[in-house]
Amino acid sequence: MIVSSFDKHSQVAEFDPETGALRVFDRAELPDGVEPAGCFGVLGAAGTAVFYRGATGLFLHIGDETFALEHPGTRIHWEQADPATARLDIHRIDESPRRFEYPTTLNELRQDASFGMFREDFEDFDFGLFVSNVLAAPGRRVRIFAAAEGRESADQPDPTRVVLYSYARDLRPEKVAEFTWNPTDGVALTVLDAEWGALAWDYFKTGIPAPAGRVPASAGPGFMRALLRPNRATYYRFVDESS
């Protein structure tokens, strides 16, 4: 399966859940229409971790271990252990808890007066916190990586909030535009950065390019889903942040 880098939007990788093998390559080499089924990041001494959707739900592969995160007997807990260290605990019935500690820069970000200017979130910079937050939100848990290999389901809720991130400034994710949709008002757009949010404005005014023709904003949920289709853009990423 294909997974994307949590830290470097320009990178993706081929991941083998059976062996844990990970082959990293450039996103520009990704074949058309391929949607990542997960993402990978680093958890300190434990090394690379892969958060992905398998046949029976969400999984986390760390080292030579694989955790079924949606198993009824699995519980995950994240906390900041000290100013420079984060901790991810995974509890499974009848097994000793597994603890992974790793360096974090969250304290530095909290002291950065410019942080949040582009509506970035702390989870954008901490892989363990990201995983924990996804599992804590039922809507995100259902939607994340669901498009991989055509796994969208007709009974999944339509996206109501899609955010455009730009990686143009030092490869740091910045929220530059936000689309929202509801049945009463339709699609609305808020541009947060006139320069890097121009792509969102273009889509809103002229529609999203698609093989069968542009998908207009008037298509409502169809437009919101089209925003999330796989693409090979290096400096942009659309993310479903519906509640």
Protein backbone atom coordinates (compact mmCIF):
# COMPACT_ATOMS: atom_id res chain seq x y z
CA MET A 1 0.00 0.00 0.00
CA ILE A 2 0.98 3.65 -0.40
CA VAL A 3 1.43 5.86 2.68
CA SER A 4 2.39 9.53 2.86
CA SER A 5 5.02 11.20 5.01
CA PHE A 6 3.69 13.01 8.08
CA ASP A 7 6.65 15.42 8.10
CA LYS A 8 7.42 15.94 4.40
CA HIS A 9 4.46 16.38 2.08
CA SER A 10 6.74 15.83 -0.92
CA GLN A 11 7.41 12.23 0.15
CA VAL A 12 5.31 9.06 0.00
CA ALA A 13 6.27 5.43 0.52
CA GLU A 14 5.33 1.91 -0.44
CA PHE A 15 4.55 0.01 2.76
CA ASP A 16 4.21 -3.75 3.27
CA PRO A 17 2.11 -4.39 6.41
CA GLU A 18 3.28 -8.01 6.52
CA THR A 19 6.99 -7.28 6.75
CA GLY A 20 7.02 -3.61 7.78
CA ALA A 21 9.19 -2.73 4.78
CA LEU A 22 8.96 0.92 3.75
CA ARG A 23 10.30 2.30 0.46
CA VAL A 24 10.24 6.10 0.32
CA PHE A 25 9.93 7.98 -2.97
CA ASP A 26 8.87 11.38 -4.30
CA ARG A 27 5.17 12.25 -4.40
CA ALA A 28 5.57 13.42 -8.00
CA GLU A 29 6.19 9.76 -8.93
CA LEU A 30 2.85 8.66 -7.48
CA PRO A 31 0.62 7.16 -10.22
CA ASP A 32 -2.54 9.06 -11.08
CA GLY A 33 -5.55 8.11 -9.00
CA VAL A 34 -3.62 6.46 -6.14
CA GLU A 35 -4.75 7.58 -2.70
CA PRO A 36 -2.47 6.96 0.33
CA ALA A 37 -3.92 4.46 2.80
CA GLY A 38 -1.96 5.87 5.71
CA CYS A 39 0.96 8.02 6.81
CA PHE A 40 4.33 7.46 8.45
CA GLY A 41 6.31 9.43 10.99
CA VAL A 42 9.03 8.95 13.60
CA LEU A 43 8.48 8.11 17.27
CA GLY A 44 11.92 8.68 18.73
CA ALA A 45 13.99 5.59 19.55
CA ALA A 46 11.17 3.34 18.36
CA GLY A 47 11.88 4.54 14.84
CA THR A 48 9.40 4.88 12.02
CA ALA A 49 5.72 4.34 12.78
CA VAL A 50 3.02 3.79 10.16
CA PHE A 51 -0.61 4.72 10.83
CA TYR A 52 -2.80 3.08 8.20
CA ARG A 53 -6.17 1.61 7.31
CA GLY A 54 -6.26 -2.13 6.83
CA ALA A 55 -9.08 -4.49 5.95
CA THR A 56 -10.52 -4.42 9.48
CA GLY A 57 -9.87 -0.85 10.56
CA LEU A 58 -7.02 1.40 11.63
CA PHE A 59 -3.61 0.03 12.59
CA LEU A 60 -0.33 1.39 13.94
CA HIS A 61 2.90 -0.38 12.99
CA ILE A 62 5.93 0.45 15.15
CA GLY A 63 9.18 -1.46 14.86
CA ASP A 64 8.18 -5.12 14.58
CA GLU A 65 4.79 -4.67 16.30
CA THR A 66 1.37 -3.97 14.82
CA PHE A 67 -1.50 -2.65 16.93
CA ALA A 68 -5.16 -2.99 15.89
CA LEU A 69 -6.31 0.43 17.10
CA GLU A 70 -10.03 -0.16 16.63
CA HIS A 71 -10.11 -3.51 18.41
CA PRO A 72 -12.52 -3.27 21.40
CA GLY A 73 -9.72 -4.24 23.75
CA THR A 74 -7.26 -1.58 22.57
CA ARG A 75 -6.94 1.83 24.20
CA ILE A 76 -4.49 4.60 23.33
CA HIS A 77 -3.32 7.50 25.49
CA TRP A 78 -1.08 10.46 24.62
CA GLU A 79 0.48 12.97 26.99
CA GLN A 80 3.39 15.37 27.19
CA ALA A 81 5.70 13.83 29.78
CA ASP A 82 7.96 16.87 30.15
CA PRO A 83 8.75 20.04 28.13
CA ALA A 84 10.78 18.11 25.55
CA THR A 85 9.20 14.64 25.63
CA ALA A 86 5.86 13.18 24.55
CA ARG A 87 4.51 9.78 25.47
CA LEU A 88 2.19 7.43 23.58
CA ASP A 89 0.79 4.51 25.57
CA ILE A 90 -1.04 1.61 23.93
CA HIS A 91 -3.07 -0.68 26.21
CA ARG A 92 -4.34 -4.09 25.12
CA ILE A 93 -6.41 -6.56 27.15
CA ASP A 94 -4.30 -9.23 28.88
CA GLU A 95 -1.05 -7.61 27.73
CA SER A 96 1.37 -5.21 29.34
CA PRO A 97 0.99 -1.62 28.11
CA ARG A 98 3.46 -0.51 25.45
CA ARG A 99 4.97 2.92 26.00
CA PHE A 100 6.71 4.98 23.31
CA GLU A 101 8.52 8.18 24.32
CA TYR A 102 9.87 10.59 21.75
CA PRO A 103 11.11 14.19 21.44
CA THR A 104 8.49 16.89 20.87
CA THR A 105 8.70 20.58 20.01
CA LEU A 106 5.23 21.50 21.29
CA ASN A 107 6.57 23.72 24.06
CA GLU A 108 8.59 25.70 21.54
CA LEU A 109 5.50 26.10 19.38
CA ARG A 110 3.46 27.32 22.35
CA GLN A 111 6.05 30.04 22.91
CA ASP A 112 6.07 31.07 19.23
CA ALA A 113 3.92 34.20 18.97
CA SER A 114 3.29 33.54 15.27
CA PHE A 115 2.03 30.00 15.79
CA GLY A 116 -1.60 29.64 14.78
CA MET A 117 -1.48 32.60 12.43
CA PHE A 118 -2.32 30.25 9.58
CA ARG A 119 -4.61 28.08 11.75
CA GLU A 120 -2.09 25.30 12.03
CA ASP A 121 -2.68 22.92 14.92
CA PHE A 122 -0.31 21.29 17.40
CA GLU A 123 -1.15 17.84 16.00
CA ASP A 124 0.35 18.95 12.67
CA PHE A 125 3.77 18.74 14.37
CA ASP A 126 3.40 15.69 16.62
CA PHE A 127 2.71 12.30 15.04
CA GLY A 128 1.62 10.64 18.27
CA LEU A 129 -0.80 13.45 19.12
CA PHE A 130 -2.23 13.24 15.59
CA VAL A 131 -2.92 9.52 15.94
CA SER A 132 -4.50 10.02 19.36
CA ASN A 133 -6.73 12.85 18.16
CA VAL A 134 -7.99 10.86 15.17
CA LEU A 135 -8.96 7.92 17.37
CA ALA A 136 -10.72 10.23 19.83
CA ALA A 137 -13.00 11.69 17.13
CA PRO A 138 -15.49 9.13 15.70
CA GLY A 139 -16.08 11.15 12.52
CA ARG A 140 -12.38 11.46 11.71
CA ARG A 141 -11.82 7.81 12.53
CA VAL A 142 -14.39 6.78 9.93
CA ARG A 143 -13.21 9.14 7.20
CA ILE A 144 -9.44 9.05 7.46
CA PHE A 145 -7.76 7.07 4.67
CA ALA A 146 -11.21 5.83 3.62
CA ALA A 147 -10.66 6.85 -0.01
CA ALA A 148 -7.71 4.48 -0.40
CA GLU A 149 -8.27 1.76 -2.96
CA GLY A 150 -11.88 2.82 -3.48
CA ARG A 151 -13.03 2.22 0.07
CA GLU A 152 -15.46 5.16 0.13
CA SER A 153 -18.86 4.06 1.35
CA ALA A 154 -22.18 5.52 0.31
CA ASP A 155 -23.27 5.68 3.95
CA GLN A 156 -20.27 7.75 5.04
CA PRO A 157 -21.14 11.35 5.93
CA ASP A 158 -20.37 14.00 3.34
CA PRO A 159 -17.43 16.30 4.16
CA THR A 160 -18.59 19.57 5.73
CA ARG A 161 -15.20 21.24 6.21
CA VAL A 162 -12.17 20.84 3.94
CA VAL A 163 -9.01 22.82 4.60
CA LEU A 164 -6.29 23.68 2.07
CA TYR A 165 -2.73 23.57 3.45
CA SER A 166 0.28 25.08 1.73
CA TYR A 167 3.81 23.76 2.27
CA ALA A 168 5.49 26.55 0.34
CA ARG A 169 7.07 28.30 3.33
CA ASP A 170 9.88 26.11 4.71
CA LEU A 171 7.69 23.02 4.14
CA ARG A 172 5.73 24.00 7.27
CA PRO A 173 1.98 23.36 6.85
CA GLU A 174 -0.08 26.53 6.79
CA LYS A 175 -3.86 26.69 6.49
CA VAL A 176 -4.45 29.04 3.57
CA ALA A 177 -8.13 28.44 2.80
CA GLU A 178 -11.17 26.67 4.17
CA PHE A 179 -14.25 25.29 2.42
CA THR A 180 -17.44 24.59 4.37
CA TRP A 181 -20.72 23.08 3.23
CA ASN A 182 -24.19 22.64 4.67
CA PRO A 183 -27.49 21.76 2.94
CA THR A 184 -28.99 25.21 3.58
CA ASP A 185 -26.19 27.55 2.48
CA GLY A 186 -24.21 25.33 0.12
CA VAL A 187 -20.43 25.68 -0.26
CA ALA A 188 -18.67 28.68 1.29
CA LEU A 189 -15.00 29.64 1.04
CA THR A 190 -12.78 31.53 3.46
CA VAL A 191 -9.37 32.52 2.05
CA LEU A 192 -6.77 33.01 4.78
CA ASP A 193 -3.80 33.81 2.53
CA ALA A 194 -4.48 35.65 -0.73
CA GLU A 195 -1.29 34.39 -2.41
CA TRP A 196 -1.26 30.71 -1.49
CA GLY A 197 -5.02 30.43 -1.21
CA ALA A 198 -5.49 31.46 -4.85
CA LEU A 199 -5.93 27.81 -5.85
CA ALA A 200 -8.95 27.51 -3.55
CA TRP A 201 -10.48 30.68 -5.04
CA ASP A 202 -9.96 29.32 -8.56
CA TYR A 203 -11.68 26.04 -7.67
CA PHE A 204 -14.54 27.90 -6.01
CA LYS A 205 -15.13 30.16 -9.02
CA THR A 206 -14.42 27.80 -11.93
CA GLY A 207 -14.78 24.30 -10.48
CA ILE A 208 -12.40 21.40 -9.82
CA PRO A 209 -10.82 19.72 -12.87
CA ALA A 210 -12.09 16.17 -13.39
CA PRO A 211 -12.06 13.66 -16.29
CA ALA A 212 -15.77 14.23 -16.96
CA GLY A 213 -15.52 18.02 -16.71
CA ARG A 214 -15.12 20.53 -13.92
CA VAL A 215 -17.05 19.94 -10.69
CA PRO A 216 -18.67 23.28 -9.69
CA ALA A 217 -19.17 24.55 -6.15
CA SER A 218 -22.90 24.31 -6.79
CA ALA A 219 -22.50 20.52 -6.69
CA GLY A 220 -22.29 20.83 -2.90
CA PRO A 221 -21.14 17.53 -1.36
CA GLY A 222 -19.86 16.36 -4.75
CA PHE A 223 -17.59 19.42 -4.85
CA MET A 224 -16.35 18.75 -1.32
CA ARG A 225 -15.55 15.13 -2.17
CA ALA A 226 -13.76 16.21 -5.35
CA LEU A 227 -11.45 18.41 -3.29
CA LEU A 228 -10.23 15.27 -1.51
CA ARG A 229 -9.43 13.26 -4.63
CA PRO A 230 -5.77 12.21 -4.93
CA ASN A 231 -3.39 14.58 -6.70
CA ARG A 232 0.34 14.94 -7.17
CA ALA A 233 0.68 18.52 -5.93
CA THR A 234 3.88 19.00 -3.94
CA TYR A 235 3.08 22.21 -2.08
CA TYR A 236 -0.66 21.84 -1.45
CA ARG A 237 -2.85 19.39 0.43
CA PHE A 238 -6.62 19.31 0.99
CA VAL A 239 -7.62 17.78 4.33
CA ASP A 240 -11.04 16.72 5.56
CA GLU A 241 -11.48 18.37 8.96
CA SER A 242 -15.21 17.83 9.34
CA SER A 243 -16.23 17.42 12.96
